[in-house]
Structure formats: structure tokens, C-alpha cells
Amino acid sequence: MISSFILAFIVGGLICVIGQLLFDVANLTPGHTLSILVVAGAVLDGLGLYEPLIDFAGAGATVPITSFGNSLTHGALREAEEHGIIGVITGMFEVTSSGISAAILFGFIASLIFRSKGRP
């Protein structure tokens, strides 16, 4: 059990290190860094490499943002097999809709509670 925690920590940490290097060394904006990591997760899933990473590292692979790209691609490919081209569109949102909805809801609640730095 402890070894699975250590593997999750190492793999998740390496994904975060890659993101930090893109941000600091390559001088990319947070949006660019985020996009690259999401696309990397999508490409790895499309190549069939992300699921073995999840099996190996558990939460170390499912918690970072690369997992969002994995979820989008995984859902799109699964639904495309069942429903054709329309499944590509619906599959992405079927798998990720709860996470997107939660982000919108909690972002709205936070905007009601806190003031932004840019607003007087």
C-alpha cells in the first residue's frame, strides 16, 4: 500500500515538474502550459499509453490536468465506436461534464464571496 502512495507521488510529481519547467524555463503562460498538458494527456490516451500509466501510478496519473485530456479522448473514442461521428462530440462532454459543472459552480460561488484584486 505504501508503495502505491510513493508511485503516485513520484508520477504526479513528475507531471507537475514538466508543467513547472514549461512555465519557468520555456516562459510559457499558464494557459499555454495548461493546454500543452491537456493535449499531452489526450495524445497519450489516443496512443493507448495513458491507461497503463493510470494502472501503474493510480492517483498520480488521474489527479493532474493531463487526466482531463485523457478523459476527453477516452470518452470521445468510446462513444465514437457506439454512435459514430456524433459520439465524438457527446462522448467528450458525457465523461467530463460533472467536473466542468463543478468548476463553473464553485467559481461562481467564489466570485460572490471574494473580491478580485483588479476591482476597486
N, C-alpha and C. Protein backbone atom coordinates (compact mmCIF):
# COMPACT_ATOMS: atom_id res chain seq x y z
N MET A 1 0.82 -1.19 0.00
CA MET A 1 0.00 0.00 0.00
C MET A 1 0.87 1.25 0.00
N ILE A 2 1.89 1.26 0.81
CA ILE A 2 2.79 2.42 0.86
C ILE A 2 3.48 2.61 -0.48
N SER A 3 3.82 1.52 -1.15
CA SER A 3 4.49 1.64 -2.45
C SER A 3 3.58 2.29 -3.49
N SER A 4 2.28 2.05 -3.43
CA SER A 4 1.37 2.70 -4.37
C SER A 4 1.28 4.20 -4.10
N PHE A 5 1.36 4.60 -2.83
CA PHE A 5 1.39 6.02 -2.50
C PHE A 5 2.65 6.68 -3.04
N ILE A 6 3.76 5.98 -2.90
CA ILE A 6 5.04 6.52 -3.37
C ILE A 6 5.05 6.65 -4.89
N LEU A 7 4.53 5.62 -5.59
CA LEU A 7 4.46 5.69 -7.05
C LEU A 7 3.55 6.83 -7.50
N ALA A 8 2.42 6.99 -6.84
CA ALA A 8 1.51 8.08 -7.18
C ALA A 8 2.19 9.43 -6.97
N PHE A 9 2.91 9.56 -5.87
CA PHE A 9 3.61 10.81 -5.58
C PHE A 9 4.67 11.11 -6.62
N ILE A 10 5.44 10.08 -7.00
CA ILE A 10 6.53 10.28 -7.96
C ILE A 10 5.98 10.64 -9.35
N VAL A 11 5.01 9.87 -9.83
CA VAL A 11 4.47 10.12 -11.17
C VAL A 11 3.73 11.46 -11.22
N GLY A 12 2.88 11.72 -10.23
CA GLY A 12 2.19 13.01 -10.18
C GLY A 12 3.17 14.16 -10.06
N GLY A 13 4.21 13.96 -9.26
CA GLY A 13 5.23 14.99 -9.12
C GLY A 13 5.98 15.24 -10.41
N LEU A 14 6.28 14.18 -11.16
CA LEU A 14 6.97 14.35 -12.44
C LEU A 14 6.11 15.10 -13.45
N ILE A 15 4.82 14.83 -13.46
CA ILE A 15 3.92 15.57 -14.35
C ILE A 15 3.92 17.04 -13.96
N CYS A 16 3.90 17.32 -12.67
CA CYS A 16 3.92 18.70 -12.20
C CYS A 16 5.26 19.38 -12.50
N VAL A 17 6.35 18.62 -12.41
CA VAL A 17 7.67 19.17 -12.74
C VAL A 17 7.72 19.55 -14.22
N ILE A 18 7.16 18.71 -15.08
CA ILE A 18 7.12 19.04 -16.51
C ILE A 18 6.35 20.34 -16.73
N GLY A 19 5.20 20.47 -16.06
CA GLY A 19 4.42 21.70 -16.18
C GLY A 19 5.18 22.90 -15.66
N GLN A 20 5.87 22.75 -14.54
CA GLN A 20 6.63 23.87 -13.98
C GLN A 20 7.79 24.25 -14.88
N LEU A 21 8.45 23.26 -15.50
CA LEU A 21 9.53 23.56 -16.43
C LEU A 21 9.02 24.29 -17.67
N LEU A 22 7.86 23.87 -18.17
CA LEU A 22 7.27 24.59 -19.30
C LEU A 22 6.97 26.03 -18.92
N PHE A 23 6.50 26.22 -17.73
CA PHE A 23 6.14 27.56 -17.25
C PHE A 23 7.39 28.42 -17.02
N ASP A 24 8.39 27.88 -16.33
CA ASP A 24 9.57 28.66 -15.94
C ASP A 24 10.64 28.74 -17.02
N VAL A 25 11.05 27.60 -17.55
CA VAL A 25 12.17 27.58 -18.49
C VAL A 25 11.74 28.04 -19.88
N ALA A 26 10.61 27.56 -20.34
CA ALA A 26 10.15 27.93 -21.67
C ALA A 26 9.40 29.27 -21.67
N ASN A 27 9.19 29.84 -20.50
CA ASN A 27 8.49 31.12 -20.35
C ASN A 27 7.11 31.12 -21.00
N LEU A 28 6.42 30.00 -20.87
CA LEU A 28 5.06 29.91 -21.39
C LEU A 28 4.08 30.47 -20.36
N THR A 29 2.97 30.96 -20.84
CA THR A 29 1.94 31.45 -19.94
C THR A 29 1.25 30.26 -19.27
N PRO A 30 0.55 30.49 -18.17
CA PRO A 30 -0.18 29.38 -17.55
C PRO A 30 -1.19 28.73 -18.50
N GLY A 31 -1.81 29.52 -19.34
CA GLY A 31 -2.77 28.97 -20.31
C GLY A 31 -2.11 28.05 -21.32
N HIS A 32 -0.93 28.46 -21.81
CA HIS A 32 -0.20 27.61 -22.75
C HIS A 32 0.25 26.31 -22.08
N THR A 33 0.76 26.44 -20.86
CA THR A 33 1.22 25.26 -20.12
C THR A 33 0.06 24.30 -19.88
N LEU A 34 -1.07 24.83 -19.45
CA LEU A 34 -2.25 24.01 -19.22
C LEU A 34 -2.69 23.31 -20.49
N SER A 35 -2.72 24.04 -21.59
CA SER A 35 -3.14 23.46 -22.87
C SER A 35 -2.21 22.35 -23.32
N ILE A 36 -0.91 22.55 -23.16
CA ILE A 36 0.06 21.54 -23.56
C ILE A 36 -0.13 20.27 -22.74
N LEU A 37 -0.36 20.41 -21.44
CA LEU A 37 -0.53 19.23 -20.59
C LEU A 37 -1.84 18.49 -20.91
N VAL A 38 -2.90 19.23 -21.20
CA VAL A 38 -4.17 18.58 -21.56
C VAL A 38 -4.01 17.84 -22.89
N VAL A 39 -3.37 18.48 -23.86
CA VAL A 39 -3.16 17.84 -25.16
C VAL A 39 -2.23 16.63 -25.01
N ALA A 40 -1.22 16.73 -24.16
CA ALA A 40 -0.33 15.59 -23.93
C ALA A 40 -1.11 14.39 -23.37
N GLY A 41 -2.01 14.65 -22.43
CA GLY A 41 -2.84 13.57 -21.89
C GLY A 41 -3.74 12.97 -22.95
N ALA A 42 -4.28 13.83 -23.83
CA ALA A 42 -5.15 13.34 -24.90
C ALA A 42 -4.36 12.49 -25.90
N VAL A 43 -3.17 12.95 -26.26
CA VAL A 43 -2.35 12.20 -27.21
C VAL A 43 -1.92 10.85 -26.61
N LEU A 44 -1.51 10.87 -25.35
CA LEU A 44 -1.11 9.62 -24.70
C LEU A 44 -2.27 8.63 -24.64
N ASP A 45 -3.49 9.14 -24.41
CA ASP A 45 -4.65 8.23 -24.40
C ASP A 45 -4.94 7.72 -25.80
N GLY A 46 -4.83 8.60 -26.80
CA GLY A 46 -5.05 8.18 -28.17
C GLY A 46 -4.08 7.10 -28.62
N LEU A 47 -2.86 7.14 -28.08
CA LEU A 47 -1.86 6.13 -28.40
C LEU A 47 -1.98 4.90 -27.51
N GLY A 48 -2.90 4.93 -26.56
CA GLY A 48 -3.09 3.80 -25.66
C GLY A 48 -2.08 3.71 -24.55
N LEU A 49 -1.43 4.83 -24.21
CA LEU A 49 -0.39 4.82 -23.19
C LEU A 49 -0.83 5.37 -21.84
N TYR A 50 -1.95 6.09 -21.80
CA TYR A 50 -2.35 6.71 -20.53
C TYR A 50 -3.00 5.73 -19.57
N GLU A 51 -3.78 4.78 -20.08
CA GLU A 51 -4.41 3.78 -19.20
C GLU A 51 -3.37 2.93 -18.47
N PRO A 52 -2.29 2.47 -19.16
CA PRO A 52 -1.25 1.76 -18.41
C PRO A 52 -0.58 2.64 -17.35
N LEU A 53 -0.46 3.94 -17.64
CA LEU A 53 0.10 4.87 -16.65
C LEU A 53 -0.82 4.98 -15.44
N ILE A 54 -2.13 5.00 -15.67
CA ILE A 54 -3.09 5.03 -14.57
C ILE A 54 -3.02 3.74 -13.76
N ASP A 55 -2.90 2.61 -14.45
CA ASP A 55 -2.77 1.33 -13.75
C ASP A 55 -1.50 1.28 -12.90
N PHE A 56 -0.44 1.90 -13.39
CA PHE A 56 0.84 1.91 -12.68
C PHE A 56 0.85 2.90 -11.52
N ALA A 57 0.35 4.12 -11.75
CA ALA A 57 0.52 5.19 -10.77
C ALA A 57 -0.75 5.58 -10.03
N GLY A 58 -1.90 5.09 -10.43
CA GLY A 58 -3.15 5.42 -9.73
C GLY A 58 -3.43 6.91 -9.73
N ALA A 59 -3.61 7.48 -8.55
CA ALA A 59 -3.96 8.90 -8.43
C ALA A 59 -2.86 9.81 -8.95
N GLY A 60 -1.63 9.33 -9.03
CA GLY A 60 -0.55 10.13 -9.59
C GLY A 60 -0.77 10.45 -11.04
N ALA A 61 -1.59 9.67 -11.73
CA ALA A 61 -1.91 9.92 -13.13
C ALA A 61 -3.33 10.45 -13.32
N THR A 62 -4.22 10.22 -12.36
CA THR A 62 -5.60 10.67 -12.53
C THR A 62 -5.86 12.06 -11.97
N VAL A 63 -5.02 12.53 -11.06
CA VAL A 63 -5.25 13.84 -10.45
C VAL A 63 -4.71 15.00 -11.29
N PRO A 64 -3.51 14.92 -11.89
CA PRO A 64 -3.01 16.06 -12.68
C PRO A 64 -3.88 16.38 -13.88
N ILE A 65 -3.68 17.55 -14.45
CA ILE A 65 -4.51 18.04 -15.56
C ILE A 65 -4.40 17.18 -16.81
N THR A 66 -3.33 16.40 -16.94
CA THR A 66 -3.22 15.52 -18.09
C THR A 66 -4.36 14.50 -18.12
N SER A 67 -4.90 14.19 -16.98
CA SER A 67 -6.02 13.26 -16.90
C SER A 67 -7.27 13.83 -17.55
N PHE A 68 -7.40 15.15 -17.58
CA PHE A 68 -8.56 15.76 -18.24
C PHE A 68 -8.50 15.48 -19.74
N GLY A 69 -7.32 15.63 -20.33
CA GLY A 69 -7.16 15.30 -21.75
C GLY A 69 -7.41 13.84 -22.00
N ASN A 70 -6.95 13.00 -21.09
CA ASN A 70 -7.22 11.56 -21.18
C ASN A 70 -8.72 11.30 -21.16
N SER A 71 -9.44 11.93 -20.25
CA SER A 71 -10.89 11.73 -20.14
C SER A 71 -11.62 12.18 -21.40
N LEU A 72 -11.20 13.33 -21.94
CA LEU A 72 -11.85 13.82 -23.17
C LEU A 72 -11.67 12.83 -24.31
N THR A 73 -10.45 12.39 -24.51
CA THR A 73 -10.18 11.48 -25.62
C THR A 73 -10.82 10.11 -25.39
N HIS A 74 -10.72 9.62 -24.16
CA HIS A 74 -11.27 8.31 -23.83
C HIS A 74 -12.78 8.28 -24.08
N GLY A 75 -13.47 9.32 -23.61
CA GLY A 75 -14.92 9.40 -23.81
C GLY A 75 -15.29 9.54 -25.28
N ALA A 76 -14.52 10.36 -26.01
CA ALA A 76 -14.81 10.56 -27.42
C ALA A 76 -14.62 9.27 -28.22
N LEU A 77 -13.54 8.57 -27.95
CA LEU A 77 -13.29 7.32 -28.69
C LEU A 77 -14.31 6.24 -28.36
N ARG A 78 -14.69 6.15 -27.09
CA ARG A 78 -15.66 5.13 -26.69
C ARG A 78 -17.02 5.40 -27.34
N GLU A 79 -17.47 6.64 -27.30
CA GLU A 79 -18.77 6.97 -27.89
C GLU A 79 -18.73 6.93 -29.41
N ALA A 80 -17.58 7.22 -30.00
CA ALA A 80 -17.46 7.16 -31.47
C ALA A 80 -17.66 5.73 -31.96
N GLU A 81 -17.20 4.76 -31.18
CA GLU A 81 -17.40 3.36 -31.56
C GLU A 81 -18.87 2.98 -31.54
N GLU A 82 -19.63 3.56 -30.60
CA GLU A 82 -21.04 3.21 -30.46
C GLU A 82 -21.96 4.04 -31.35
N HIS A 83 -21.67 5.36 -31.47
CA HIS A 83 -22.62 6.27 -32.13
C HIS A 83 -22.04 7.00 -33.34
N GLY A 84 -20.86 6.67 -33.75
CA GLY A 84 -20.28 7.31 -34.93
C GLY A 84 -19.76 8.70 -34.63
N ILE A 85 -19.79 9.56 -35.62
CA ILE A 85 -19.18 10.89 -35.52
C ILE A 85 -19.83 11.76 -34.45
N ILE A 86 -21.13 11.64 -34.26
CA ILE A 86 -21.79 12.43 -33.22
C ILE A 86 -21.34 11.99 -31.83
N GLY A 87 -20.92 10.75 -31.71
CA GLY A 87 -20.42 10.25 -30.43
C GLY A 87 -19.12 10.91 -30.01
N VAL A 88 -18.33 11.38 -30.99
CA VAL A 88 -17.09 12.08 -30.67
C VAL A 88 -17.40 13.32 -29.84
N ILE A 89 -18.41 14.05 -30.25
CA ILE A 89 -18.77 15.29 -29.55
C ILE A 89 -19.45 14.99 -28.21
N THR A 90 -20.42 14.12 -28.23
CA THR A 90 -21.15 13.84 -27.00
C THR A 90 -20.32 13.08 -25.98
N GLY A 91 -19.40 12.24 -26.44
CA GLY A 91 -18.58 11.44 -25.54
C GLY A 91 -17.65 12.28 -24.69
N MET A 92 -17.09 13.34 -25.29
CA MET A 92 -16.19 14.21 -24.53
C MET A 92 -16.92 14.85 -23.35
N PHE A 93 -18.12 15.32 -23.61
CA PHE A 93 -18.84 16.03 -22.57
C PHE A 93 -19.53 15.11 -21.58
N GLU A 94 -19.86 13.91 -22.01
CA GLU A 94 -20.50 12.96 -21.10
C GLU A 94 -19.56 12.58 -19.96
N VAL A 95 -18.30 12.37 -20.28
CA VAL A 95 -17.34 11.94 -19.28
C VAL A 95 -16.89 13.08 -18.38
N THR A 96 -16.77 14.29 -18.93
CA THR A 96 -16.19 15.40 -18.18
C THR A 96 -17.22 16.42 -17.68
N SER A 97 -18.48 16.22 -17.96
CA SER A 97 -19.48 17.25 -17.63
C SER A 97 -19.59 17.54 -16.14
N SER A 98 -19.46 16.53 -15.30
CA SER A 98 -19.58 16.79 -13.86
C SER A 98 -18.42 17.64 -13.35
N GLY A 99 -17.22 17.40 -13.83
CA GLY A 99 -16.07 18.21 -13.42
C GLY A 99 -16.17 19.63 -13.92
N ILE A 100 -16.59 19.80 -15.16
CA ILE A 100 -16.75 21.14 -15.72
C ILE A 100 -17.86 21.89 -14.98
N SER A 101 -18.97 21.21 -14.72
CA SER A 101 -20.07 21.85 -13.99
C SER A 101 -19.66 22.26 -12.59
N ALA A 102 -18.91 21.40 -11.91
CA ALA A 102 -18.44 21.74 -10.56
C ALA A 102 -17.51 22.94 -10.59
N ALA A 103 -16.62 23.01 -11.58
CA ALA A 103 -15.70 24.15 -11.69
C ALA A 103 -16.46 25.45 -11.91
N ILE A 104 -17.48 25.42 -12.75
CA ILE A 104 -18.28 26.61 -13.00
C ILE A 104 -19.04 27.02 -11.75
N LEU A 105 -19.68 26.06 -11.09
CA LEU A 105 -20.46 26.36 -9.89
C LEU A 105 -19.58 26.92 -8.77
N PHE A 106 -18.47 26.24 -8.47
CA PHE A 106 -17.61 26.71 -7.38
C PHE A 106 -16.91 28.02 -7.73
N GLY A 107 -16.59 28.23 -9.01
CA GLY A 107 -16.03 29.52 -9.43
C GLY A 107 -17.04 30.65 -9.23
N PHE A 108 -18.31 30.38 -9.54
CA PHE A 108 -19.34 31.39 -9.34
C PHE A 108 -19.53 31.70 -7.86
N ILE A 109 -19.56 30.66 -7.03
CA ILE A 109 -19.72 30.86 -5.58
C ILE A 109 -18.53 31.66 -5.03
N ALA A 110 -17.33 31.33 -5.47
CA ALA A 110 -16.15 32.06 -5.01
C ALA A 110 -16.20 33.52 -5.45
N SER A 111 -16.74 33.79 -6.65
CA SER A 111 -16.83 35.17 -7.12
C SER A 111 -17.83 35.98 -6.29
N LEU A 112 -18.82 35.31 -5.72
CA LEU A 112 -19.78 36.01 -4.86
C LEU A 112 -19.19 36.30 -3.48
N ILE A 113 -18.29 35.46 -3.02
CA ILE A 113 -17.73 35.58 -1.67
C ILE A 113 -16.53 36.51 -1.64
N PHE A 114 -15.65 36.42 -2.63
CA PHE A 114 -14.39 37.15 -2.61
C PHE A 114 -14.37 38.24 -3.65
N ARG A 115 -13.55 39.26 -3.40
CA ARG A 115 -13.36 40.36 -4.36
C ARG A 115 -12.08 40.11 -5.14
N SER A 116 -12.10 40.45 -6.42
CA SER A 116 -10.89 40.29 -7.22
C SER A 116 -9.95 41.45 -6.94
N LYS A 117 -8.66 41.26 -7.20
CA LYS A 117 -7.66 42.30 -6.94
C LYS A 117 -7.82 43.47 -7.90
N GLY A 118 -8.33 43.22 -9.08
CA GLY A 118 -8.46 44.25 -10.08
C GLY A 118 -9.66 45.16 -9.89
N ARG A 119 -10.59 44.78 -9.06
CA ARG A 119 -11.82 45.57 -8.84
C ARG A 119 -11.63 46.46 -7.62
N PRO A 120 -11.98 47.74 -7.72
CA PRO A 120 -11.85 48.64 -6.55
C PRO A 120 -12.84 48.34 -5.44
